[in-house]
Amino acid sequence: MPILVVDDEAPLARYYARRLESSKNALRTRVAFSLVDAQRLMQAYADWRGFLFDLTLGQNERRAGFSLLAHARTKFPNAPAAILTFHDDPRLTIEASTLGGFLLSKQDVPDCLDAFATHVQTVEARRQLNLPPHVAPKELEEDGSPESGHPPLDPIDIADPAYALTSAELA
């Protein structure tokens, strides 16, 4: 099951694909260089493991990544999806999150791609164990020691006046 990598700059798309393929997770990829090619590939295959979209695809497709993300969420709701961009506008992060994906910075591509590959592997492992794709809060409470090796933090009492939360925030 592959990752769809979409970027209108072919050298970048190929670099992202090679990086994902050579990561410790050894993911397979398929590459598209335009919105139309990406849509065709998404229709032609049903075995997607994840999606990595550039925000801008060509001069006339300034927010094409978001339309691809929306389509991916509709047709493949459990496959991780991310938007790559140089922009650091928080509104883009919110929009990506609202559509069910997340934003990755092209300034930190190697680290972002490695984190994305790890996330894809985690979601896949959970799927194979018939677990939901995301960790439920109850599962976090049952985990005695996080991966960091530090003891778990004590839960906080959010009703504590020290946090100065309003009644609406508490609700």
N, C-alpha and C. Protein backbone atom coordinates (compact mmCIF):
# COMPACT_ATOMS: atom_id res chain seq x y z
N MET A 1 0.84 -1.18 0.00
CA MET A 1 0.00 0.00 0.00
C MET A 1 0.89 1.24 0.00
N PRO A 2 0.72 2.11 -0.97
CA PRO A 2 1.61 3.26 -1.13
C PRO A 2 1.07 4.57 -0.55
N ILE A 3 1.99 5.53 -0.53
CA ILE A 3 1.69 6.92 -0.18
C ILE A 3 1.62 7.68 -1.50
N LEU A 4 0.62 8.53 -1.67
CA LEU A 4 0.55 9.40 -2.85
C LEU A 4 1.29 10.69 -2.52
N VAL A 5 2.33 11.00 -3.27
CA VAL A 5 3.11 12.22 -3.11
C VAL A 5 2.80 13.12 -4.29
N VAL A 6 2.34 14.35 -4.00
CA VAL A 6 1.94 15.27 -5.07
C VAL A 6 2.66 16.60 -4.91
N ASP A 7 3.42 16.96 -5.94
CA ASP A 7 4.08 18.28 -5.99
C ASP A 7 4.30 18.60 -7.46
N ASP A 8 4.02 19.84 -7.84
CA ASP A 8 4.18 20.22 -9.24
C ASP A 8 5.65 20.41 -9.63
N GLU A 9 6.53 20.47 -8.67
CA GLU A 9 7.96 20.53 -8.96
C GLU A 9 8.49 19.09 -8.90
N ALA A 10 8.69 18.51 -10.07
CA ALA A 10 9.04 17.10 -10.17
C ALA A 10 10.26 16.71 -9.32
N PRO A 11 11.34 17.49 -9.30
CA PRO A 11 12.48 17.09 -8.46
C PRO A 11 12.12 17.00 -6.98
N LEU A 12 11.28 17.93 -6.51
CA LEU A 12 10.86 17.88 -5.11
C LEU A 12 9.98 16.66 -4.85
N ALA A 13 9.04 16.41 -5.73
CA ALA A 13 8.14 15.26 -5.55
C ALA A 13 8.96 13.97 -5.51
N ARG A 14 9.92 13.87 -6.40
CA ARG A 14 10.76 12.66 -6.42
C ARG A 14 11.62 12.56 -5.15
N TYR A 15 12.12 13.69 -4.69
CA TYR A 15 12.90 13.70 -3.45
C TYR A 15 12.05 13.23 -2.27
N TYR A 16 10.83 13.78 -2.14
CA TYR A 16 9.94 13.38 -1.05
C TYR A 16 9.66 11.88 -1.12
N ALA A 17 9.39 11.39 -2.32
CA ALA A 17 9.09 9.97 -2.50
C ALA A 17 10.29 9.12 -2.10
N ARG A 18 11.48 9.50 -2.57
CA ARG A 18 12.69 8.74 -2.22
C ARG A 18 12.94 8.76 -0.72
N ARG A 19 12.69 9.91 -0.11
CA ARG A 19 12.91 10.04 1.34
C ARG A 19 11.97 9.10 2.10
N LEU A 20 10.72 9.05 1.69
CA LEU A 20 9.76 8.15 2.35
C LEU A 20 10.13 6.69 2.10
N GLU A 21 10.56 6.39 0.89
CA GLU A 21 10.92 5.01 0.55
C GLU A 21 12.19 4.56 1.26
N SER A 22 13.12 5.47 1.50
CA SER A 22 14.38 5.09 2.14
C SER A 22 14.35 5.29 3.65
N SER A 23 13.22 5.75 4.19
CA SER A 23 13.12 5.91 5.64
C SER A 23 13.16 4.54 6.31
N LYS A 24 13.33 4.56 7.61
CA LYS A 24 13.36 3.28 8.34
C LYS A 24 12.04 2.53 8.18
N ASN A 25 10.98 3.24 7.78
CA ASN A 25 9.68 2.61 7.58
C ASN A 25 9.50 2.04 6.19
N ALA A 26 10.40 2.38 5.26
CA ALA A 26 10.41 1.84 3.89
C ALA A 26 9.02 1.84 3.25
N LEU A 27 8.45 3.02 3.12
CA LEU A 27 7.12 3.14 2.52
C LEU A 27 7.20 3.15 1.00
N ARG A 28 6.21 2.56 0.35
CA ARG A 28 6.10 2.64 -1.11
C ARG A 28 5.39 3.95 -1.45
N THR A 29 5.68 4.48 -2.63
CA THR A 29 5.04 5.73 -3.04
C THR A 29 4.58 5.67 -4.49
N ARG A 30 3.64 6.53 -4.80
CA ARG A 30 3.28 6.87 -6.17
C ARG A 30 3.34 8.38 -6.24
N VAL A 31 3.75 8.92 -7.37
CA VAL A 31 3.99 10.35 -7.49
C VAL A 31 3.10 10.96 -8.57
N ALA A 32 2.57 12.14 -8.28
CA ALA A 32 1.82 12.92 -9.26
C ALA A 32 2.38 14.34 -9.25
N PHE A 33 2.31 15.00 -10.42
CA PHE A 33 2.88 16.34 -10.55
C PHE A 33 1.83 17.41 -10.80
N SER A 34 0.55 17.05 -10.75
CA SER A 34 -0.51 18.04 -10.96
C SER A 34 -1.77 17.59 -10.21
N LEU A 35 -2.68 18.52 -10.07
CA LEU A 35 -3.96 18.24 -9.43
C LEU A 35 -4.72 17.16 -10.21
N VAL A 36 -4.75 17.28 -11.52
CA VAL A 36 -5.48 16.32 -12.36
C VAL A 36 -4.87 14.93 -12.25
N ASP A 37 -3.53 14.84 -12.31
CA ASP A 37 -2.87 13.54 -12.18
C ASP A 37 -3.15 12.91 -10.81
N ALA A 38 -3.11 13.73 -9.78
CA ALA A 38 -3.39 13.22 -8.43
C ALA A 38 -4.81 12.70 -8.34
N GLN A 39 -5.77 13.44 -8.89
CA GLN A 39 -7.16 12.99 -8.86
C GLN A 39 -7.33 11.67 -9.62
N ARG A 40 -6.65 11.56 -10.75
CA ARG A 40 -6.72 10.30 -11.52
C ARG A 40 -6.18 9.13 -10.73
N LEU A 41 -5.04 9.33 -10.08
CA LEU A 41 -4.45 8.25 -9.29
C LEU A 41 -5.34 7.88 -8.10
N MET A 42 -5.93 8.88 -7.48
CA MET A 42 -6.81 8.60 -6.33
C MET A 42 -8.04 7.82 -6.76
N GLN A 43 -8.48 8.02 -8.00
CA GLN A 43 -9.62 7.27 -8.52
C GLN A 43 -9.21 5.87 -8.97
N ALA A 44 -8.00 5.76 -9.50
CA ALA A 44 -7.56 4.49 -10.09
C ALA A 44 -7.19 3.43 -9.05
N TYR A 45 -6.77 3.86 -7.86
CA TYR A 45 -6.33 2.92 -6.84
C TYR A 45 -7.13 3.12 -5.55
N ALA A 46 -7.31 2.03 -4.83
CA ALA A 46 -8.04 2.11 -3.56
C ALA A 46 -7.17 1.66 -2.39
N ASP A 47 -5.87 1.47 -2.64
CA ASP A 47 -4.99 0.92 -1.62
C ASP A 47 -4.10 1.96 -0.94
N TRP A 48 -4.55 3.19 -0.85
CA TRP A 48 -3.72 4.27 -0.32
C TRP A 48 -3.47 4.10 1.17
N ARG A 49 -2.23 4.31 1.52
CA ARG A 49 -1.81 4.23 2.91
C ARG A 49 -1.66 5.62 3.52
N GLY A 50 -1.54 6.63 2.67
CA GLY A 50 -1.40 8.00 3.13
C GLY A 50 -1.24 8.95 1.96
N PHE A 51 -1.30 10.25 2.27
CA PHE A 51 -1.23 11.28 1.24
C PHE A 51 -0.34 12.42 1.70
N LEU A 52 0.48 12.91 0.77
CA LEU A 52 1.35 14.05 1.01
C LEU A 52 1.17 15.01 -0.15
N PHE A 53 0.53 16.14 0.11
CA PHE A 53 0.18 17.09 -0.95
C PHE A 53 0.92 18.41 -0.77
N ASP A 54 1.43 18.95 -1.87
CA ASP A 54 1.93 20.32 -1.85
C ASP A 54 0.72 21.23 -1.80
N LEU A 55 0.83 22.35 -1.09
CA LEU A 55 -0.30 23.28 -0.99
C LEU A 55 -0.63 23.89 -2.35
N THR A 56 0.39 24.29 -3.09
CA THR A 56 0.20 24.98 -4.36
C THR A 56 0.67 24.09 -5.50
N LEU A 57 -0.21 23.87 -6.46
CA LEU A 57 0.15 23.05 -7.63
C LEU A 57 -0.02 23.90 -8.88
N GLY A 58 1.04 24.54 -9.31
CA GLY A 58 0.98 25.39 -10.49
C GLY A 58 0.46 26.78 -10.17
N GLN A 59 0.54 27.65 -11.14
CA GLN A 59 0.12 29.04 -10.96
C GLN A 59 -1.37 29.20 -10.71
N ASN A 60 -2.17 28.35 -11.34
CA ASN A 60 -3.62 28.49 -11.23
C ASN A 60 -4.24 27.65 -10.12
N GLU A 61 -3.44 26.88 -9.45
CA GLU A 61 -3.94 25.99 -8.40
C GLU A 61 -3.28 26.32 -7.07
N ARG A 62 -3.53 27.52 -6.56
CA ARG A 62 -2.86 28.02 -5.38
C ARG A 62 -3.20 27.25 -4.10
N ARG A 63 -4.35 26.66 -4.00
CA ARG A 63 -4.74 25.93 -2.80
C ARG A 63 -5.20 24.51 -3.16
N ALA A 64 -4.61 23.97 -4.20
CA ALA A 64 -5.01 22.65 -4.68
C ALA A 64 -4.80 21.57 -3.62
N GLY A 65 -3.79 21.73 -2.79
CA GLY A 65 -3.54 20.73 -1.75
C GLY A 65 -4.74 20.55 -0.83
N PHE A 66 -5.44 21.65 -0.55
CA PHE A 66 -6.62 21.54 0.32
C PHE A 66 -7.76 20.82 -0.38
N SER A 67 -7.92 21.03 -1.66
CA SER A 67 -8.99 20.31 -2.36
C SER A 67 -8.66 18.82 -2.44
N LEU A 68 -7.38 18.48 -2.62
CA LEU A 68 -6.98 17.08 -2.62
C LEU A 68 -7.15 16.46 -1.23
N LEU A 69 -6.83 17.24 -0.20
CA LEU A 69 -7.00 16.76 1.17
C LEU A 69 -8.47 16.48 1.46
N ALA A 70 -9.35 17.38 1.05
CA ALA A 70 -10.78 17.17 1.26
C ALA A 70 -11.26 15.91 0.54
N HIS A 71 -10.78 15.72 -0.69
CA HIS A 71 -11.16 14.53 -1.46
C HIS A 71 -10.64 13.25 -0.79
N ALA A 72 -9.39 13.30 -0.32
CA ALA A 72 -8.79 12.14 0.35
C ALA A 72 -9.58 11.79 1.62
N ARG A 73 -9.98 12.79 2.37
CA ARG A 73 -10.73 12.55 3.60
C ARG A 73 -12.09 11.93 3.31
N THR A 74 -12.70 12.31 2.19
CA THR A 74 -14.00 11.77 1.82
C THR A 74 -13.88 10.31 1.39
N LYS A 75 -12.90 10.03 0.56
CA LYS A 75 -12.79 8.69 -0.01
C LYS A 75 -11.94 7.73 0.84
N PHE A 76 -10.95 8.25 1.55
CA PHE A 76 -10.03 7.42 2.36
C PHE A 76 -9.88 8.05 3.75
N PRO A 77 -10.92 8.03 4.57
CA PRO A 77 -10.93 8.79 5.81
C PRO A 77 -9.88 8.39 6.84
N ASN A 78 -9.37 7.18 6.80
CA ASN A 78 -8.41 6.76 7.82
C ASN A 78 -6.96 6.84 7.38
N ALA A 79 -6.71 7.19 6.13
CA ALA A 79 -5.33 7.30 5.66
C ALA A 79 -4.77 8.66 6.08
N PRO A 80 -3.62 8.69 6.75
CA PRO A 80 -3.03 9.96 7.14
C PRO A 80 -2.78 10.85 5.92
N ALA A 81 -3.02 12.14 6.10
CA ALA A 81 -2.83 13.09 5.00
C ALA A 81 -2.20 14.37 5.53
N ALA A 82 -1.27 14.92 4.75
CA ALA A 82 -0.58 16.13 5.16
C ALA A 82 -0.39 17.06 3.97
N ILE A 83 -0.30 18.34 4.28
CA ILE A 83 -0.03 19.38 3.29
C ILE A 83 1.38 19.90 3.55
N LEU A 84 2.20 19.97 2.51
CA LEU A 84 3.54 20.55 2.60
C LEU A 84 3.50 21.99 2.08
N THR A 85 4.11 22.90 2.83
CA THR A 85 4.14 24.29 2.39
C THR A 85 5.30 25.05 3.04
N PHE A 86 5.72 26.13 2.39
CA PHE A 86 6.71 27.03 2.98
C PHE A 86 6.03 28.06 3.87
N HIS A 87 4.72 28.24 3.72
CA HIS A 87 3.98 29.25 4.48
C HIS A 87 3.82 28.80 5.93
N ASP A 88 3.92 29.75 6.85
CA ASP A 88 3.75 29.41 8.26
C ASP A 88 2.54 30.12 8.87
N ASP A 89 1.56 30.40 8.06
CA ASP A 89 0.35 31.07 8.52
C ASP A 89 -0.48 30.11 9.37
N PRO A 90 -0.77 30.45 10.62
CA PRO A 90 -1.55 29.57 11.49
C PRO A 90 -2.93 29.22 10.92
N ARG A 91 -3.47 30.10 10.08
CA ARG A 91 -4.78 29.80 9.48
C ARG A 91 -4.71 28.58 8.57
N LEU A 92 -3.56 28.37 7.92
CA LEU A 92 -3.39 27.19 7.08
C LEU A 92 -3.37 25.92 7.94
N THR A 93 -2.73 26.00 9.09
CA THR A 93 -2.71 24.87 10.01
C THR A 93 -4.12 24.52 10.46
N ILE A 94 -4.89 25.53 10.79
CA ILE A 94 -6.27 25.32 11.23
C ILE A 94 -7.10 24.72 10.10
N GLU A 95 -6.94 25.25 8.90
CA GLU A 95 -7.70 24.72 7.77
C GLU A 95 -7.35 23.26 7.49
N ALA A 96 -6.06 22.94 7.52
CA ALA A 96 -5.65 21.55 7.30
C ALA A 96 -6.24 20.64 8.38
N SER A 97 -6.20 21.09 9.61
CA SER A 97 -6.76 20.31 10.71
C SER A 97 -8.26 20.14 10.57
N THR A 98 -8.94 21.19 10.16
CA THR A 98 -10.38 21.13 9.96
C THR A 98 -10.74 20.11 8.89
N LEU A 99 -9.90 19.97 7.89
CA LEU A 99 -10.14 19.01 6.82
C LEU A 99 -9.67 17.60 7.18
N GLY A 100 -9.09 17.44 8.36
CA GLY A 100 -8.68 16.11 8.80
C GLY A 100 -7.24 15.76 8.49
N GLY A 101 -6.44 16.74 8.18
CA GLY A 101 -5.03 16.50 7.91
C GLY A 101 -4.17 17.38 8.78
N PHE A 102 -2.92 17.53 8.42
CA PHE A 102 -2.04 18.42 9.15
C PHE A 102 -1.07 19.08 8.21
N LEU A 103 -0.43 20.12 8.68
CA LEU A 103 0.48 20.93 7.87
C LEU A 103 1.92 20.57 8.21
N LEU A 104 2.75 20.40 7.19
CA LEU A 104 4.17 20.15 7.37
C LEU A 104 4.96 21.28 6.72
N SER A 105 6.05 21.68 7.35
CA SER A 105 6.86 22.77 6.84
C SER A 105 7.94 22.27 5.90
N LYS A 106 8.02 22.89 4.72
CA LYS A 106 9.07 22.52 3.78
C LYS A 106 10.45 22.94 4.27
N GLN A 107 10.51 23.85 5.25
CA GLN A 107 11.79 24.24 5.81
C GLN A 107 12.42 23.09 6.60
N ASP A 108 11.60 22.19 7.12
CA ASP A 108 12.08 21.07 7.92
C ASP A 108 11.76 19.73 7.26
N VAL A 109 11.88 19.67 5.94
CA VAL A 109 11.43 18.50 5.19
C VAL A 109 11.98 17.17 5.69
N PRO A 110 13.27 17.00 5.89
CA PRO A 110 13.71 15.66 6.32
C PRO A 110 13.02 15.20 7.60
N ASP A 111 13.00 16.07 8.61
CA ASP A 111 12.37 15.69 9.87
C ASP A 111 10.86 15.49 9.71
N CYS A 112 10.22 16.38 8.95
CA CYS A 112 8.77 16.26 8.74
C CYS A 112 8.43 14.97 8.02
N LEU A 113 9.20 14.62 7.01
CA LEU A 113 8.92 13.39 6.27
C LEU A 113 9.15 12.16 7.14
N ASP A 114 10.18 12.21 7.96
CA ASP A 114 10.42 11.08 8.87
C ASP A 114 9.27 10.94 9.87
N ALA A 115 8.80 12.06 10.41
CA ALA A 115 7.67 12.02 11.34
C ALA A 115 6.41 11.53 10.65
N PHE A 116 6.20 11.99 9.41
CA PHE A 116 5.03 11.54 8.65
C PHE A 116 5.10 10.03 8.40
N ALA A 117 6.27 9.53 8.01
CA ALA A 117 6.44 8.09 7.76
C ALA A 117 6.16 7.29 9.03
N THR A 118 6.63 7.78 10.16
CA THR A 118 6.37 7.10 11.43
C THR A 118 4.88 7.11 11.76
N HIS A 119 4.23 8.23 11.51
CA HIS A 119 2.79 8.33 11.75
C HIS A 119 2.02 7.35 10.87
N VAL A 120 2.38 7.27 9.61
CA VAL A 120 1.72 6.34 8.69
C VAL A 120 1.89 4.90 9.20
N GLN A 121 3.09 4.55 9.62
CA GLN A 121 3.35 3.21 10.15
C GLN A 121 2.52 2.93 11.40
N THR A 122 2.40 3.93 12.27
CA THR A 122 1.62 3.76 13.50
C THR A 122 0.15 3.52 13.18
N VAL A 123 -0.39 4.32 12.27
CA VAL A 123 -1.79 4.15 11.88
C VAL A 123 -2.00 2.77 11.25
N GLU A 124 -1.06 2.35 10.41
CA GLU A 124 -1.16 1.03 9.76
C GLU A 124 -1.10 -0.09 10.80
N ALA A 125 -0.21 0.02 11.77
CA ALA A 125 -0.10 -1.00 12.81
C ALA A 125 -1.39 -1.09 13.62
N ARG A 126 -1.98 0.05 13.92
CA ARG A 126 -3.24 0.06 14.67
C ARG A 126 -4.35 -0.57 13.83
N ARG A 127 -4.35 -0.30 12.53
CA ARG A 127 -5.36 -0.88 11.64
C ARG A 127 -5.23 -2.40 11.62
N GLN A 128 -4.02 -2.90 11.56
CA GLN A 128 -3.80 -4.34 11.52
C GLN A 128 -4.23 -5.03 12.82
N LEU A 129 -4.21 -4.28 13.92
CA LEU A 129 -4.66 -4.82 15.21
C LEU A 129 -6.15 -4.56 15.46
N ASN A 130 -6.83 -4.05 14.42
CA ASN A 130 -8.25 -3.69 14.51
C ASN A 130 -8.52 -2.65 15.60
N LEU A 131 -7.57 -1.74 15.79
CA LEU A 131 -7.74 -0.63 16.72
C LEU A 131 -8.10 0.61 15.93
N PRO A 132 -8.76 1.57 16.55
CA PRO A 132 -9.04 2.81 15.83
C PRO A 132 -7.73 3.48 15.42
N PRO A 133 -7.75 4.29 14.36
CA PRO A 133 -6.50 4.87 13.86
C PRO A 133 -5.84 5.84 14.81
N HIS A 134 -6.60 6.38 15.76
CA HIS A 134 -6.05 7.36 16.70
C HIS A 134 -6.16 6.81 18.11
N VAL A 135 -5.26 7.24 18.96
CA VAL A 135 -5.25 6.77 20.34
C VAL A 135 -6.38 7.45 21.11
N ALA A 136 -7.18 6.63 21.77
CA ALA A 136 -8.26 7.15 22.59
C ALA A 136 -7.69 7.61 23.93
N PRO A 137 -8.28 8.65 24.55
CA PRO A 137 -7.78 9.14 25.84
C PRO A 137 -7.68 8.03 26.89
N LYS A 138 -8.61 7.08 26.90
CA LYS A 138 -8.58 5.99 27.88
C LYS A 138 -7.30 5.15 27.71
N GLU A 139 -6.88 4.93 26.46
CA GLU A 139 -5.66 4.17 26.21
C GLU A 139 -4.44 4.89 26.79
N LEU A 140 -4.43 6.23 26.72
CA LEU A 140 -3.32 6.99 27.26
C LEU A 140 -3.26 6.85 28.77
N GLU A 141 -4.43 6.82 29.43
CA GLU A 141 -4.46 6.69 30.88
C GLU A 141 -3.92 5.33 31.31
N GLU A 142 -4.15 4.29 30.51
CA GLU A 142 -3.72 2.95 30.87
C GLU A 142 -2.24 2.72 30.61
N ASP A 143 -1.61 3.58 29.82
CA ASP A 143 -0.20 3.42 29.49
C ASP A 143 0.64 3.90 30.68
N GLY A 144 1.26 2.97 31.40
CA GLY A 144 1.99 3.31 32.61
C GLY A 144 3.24 4.11 32.38
N SER A 145 3.94 3.90 31.29
CA SER A 145 5.17 4.66 31.06
C SER A 145 5.25 5.04 29.59
N PRO A 146 5.27 6.32 29.31
CA PRO A 146 5.39 6.76 27.92
C PRO A 146 6.72 6.31 27.32
N GLU A 147 6.81 6.39 26.01
CA GLU A 147 8.01 5.95 25.30
C GLU A 147 9.26 6.68 25.77
N SER A 148 9.10 7.88 26.31
CA SER A 148 10.27 8.65 26.73
C SER A 148 10.98 8.01 27.91
N GLY A 149 10.30 7.08 28.62
CA GLY A 149 10.91 6.45 29.77
C GLY A 149 10.63 7.20 31.06
N HIS A 150 10.04 8.39 30.98
CA HIS A 150 9.71 9.14 32.17
C HIS A 150 8.41 8.61 32.77
N PRO A 151 8.24 8.72 34.07
CA PRO A 151 6.98 8.28 34.66
C PRO A 151 5.84 9.16 34.14
N PRO A 152 4.63 8.61 34.07
CA PRO A 152 3.51 9.40 33.56
C PRO A 152 3.22 10.58 34.48
N LEU A 153 2.72 11.66 33.89
CA LEU A 153 2.36 12.84 34.66
C LEU A 153 1.06 12.60 35.41
N ASP A 154 0.96 13.22 36.58
CA ASP A 154 -0.29 13.13 37.33
C ASP A 154 -1.34 13.97 36.61
N PRO A 155 -2.57 13.48 36.56
CA PRO A 155 -3.61 14.29 35.93
C PRO A 155 -3.85 15.56 36.73
N ILE A 156 -4.20 16.64 36.04
CA ILE A 156 -4.48 17.90 36.73
C ILE A 156 -5.98 18.02 36.97
N ASP A 157 -6.31 18.78 37.97
CA ASP A 157 -7.71 19.07 38.26
C ASP A 157 -8.03 20.40 37.59
N ILE A 158 -8.70 20.35 36.43
CA ILE A 158 -8.93 21.59 35.68
C ILE A 158 -9.91 22.51 36.39
N ALA A 159 -10.63 22.00 37.38
CA ALA A 159 -11.55 22.86 38.13
C ALA A 159 -10.80 23.66 39.19
N ASP A 160 -9.51 23.38 39.37
CA ASP A 160 -8.69 24.09 40.35
C ASP A 160 -8.71 25.59 40.03
N PRO A 161 -8.99 26.45 41.01
CA PRO A 161 -9.04 27.90 40.77
C PRO A 161 -7.73 28.46 40.22
N ALA A 162 -6.63 27.77 40.43
CA ALA A 162 -5.33 28.26 39.94
C ALA A 162 -5.30 28.37 38.42
N TYR A 163 -6.15 27.60 37.73
CA TYR A 163 -6.17 27.65 36.28
C TYR A 163 -7.07 28.76 35.75
N ALA A 164 -7.88 29.34 36.60
CA ALA A 164 -8.74 30.48 36.26
C ALA A 164 -9.57 30.24 35.00
N LEU A 165 -10.15 29.04 34.88
CA LEU A 165 -11.00 28.75 33.75
C LEU A 165 -12.42 29.23 34.03
N THR A 166 -13.05 29.73 33.00
CA THR A 166 -14.44 30.16 33.14
C THR A 166 -15.32 28.93 33.20
N SER A 167 -16.58 29.12 33.57
CA SER A 167 -17.50 27.98 33.61
C SER A 167 -17.70 27.39 32.23
N ALA A 168 -17.69 28.22 31.18
CA ALA A 168 -17.83 27.73 29.80
C ALA A 168 -16.61 26.89 29.41
N GLU A 169 -15.41 27.33 29.82
CA GLU A 169 -14.21 26.57 29.51
C GLU A 169 -14.20 25.24 30.26
N LEU A 170 -14.67 25.25 31.49
CA LEU A 170 -14.74 24.01 32.26
C LEU A 170 -15.70 23.03 31.62
N ALA A 171 -16.83 23.54 31.10
CA ALA A 171 -17.83 22.67 30.47
C ALA A 171 -17.24 22.08 29.21
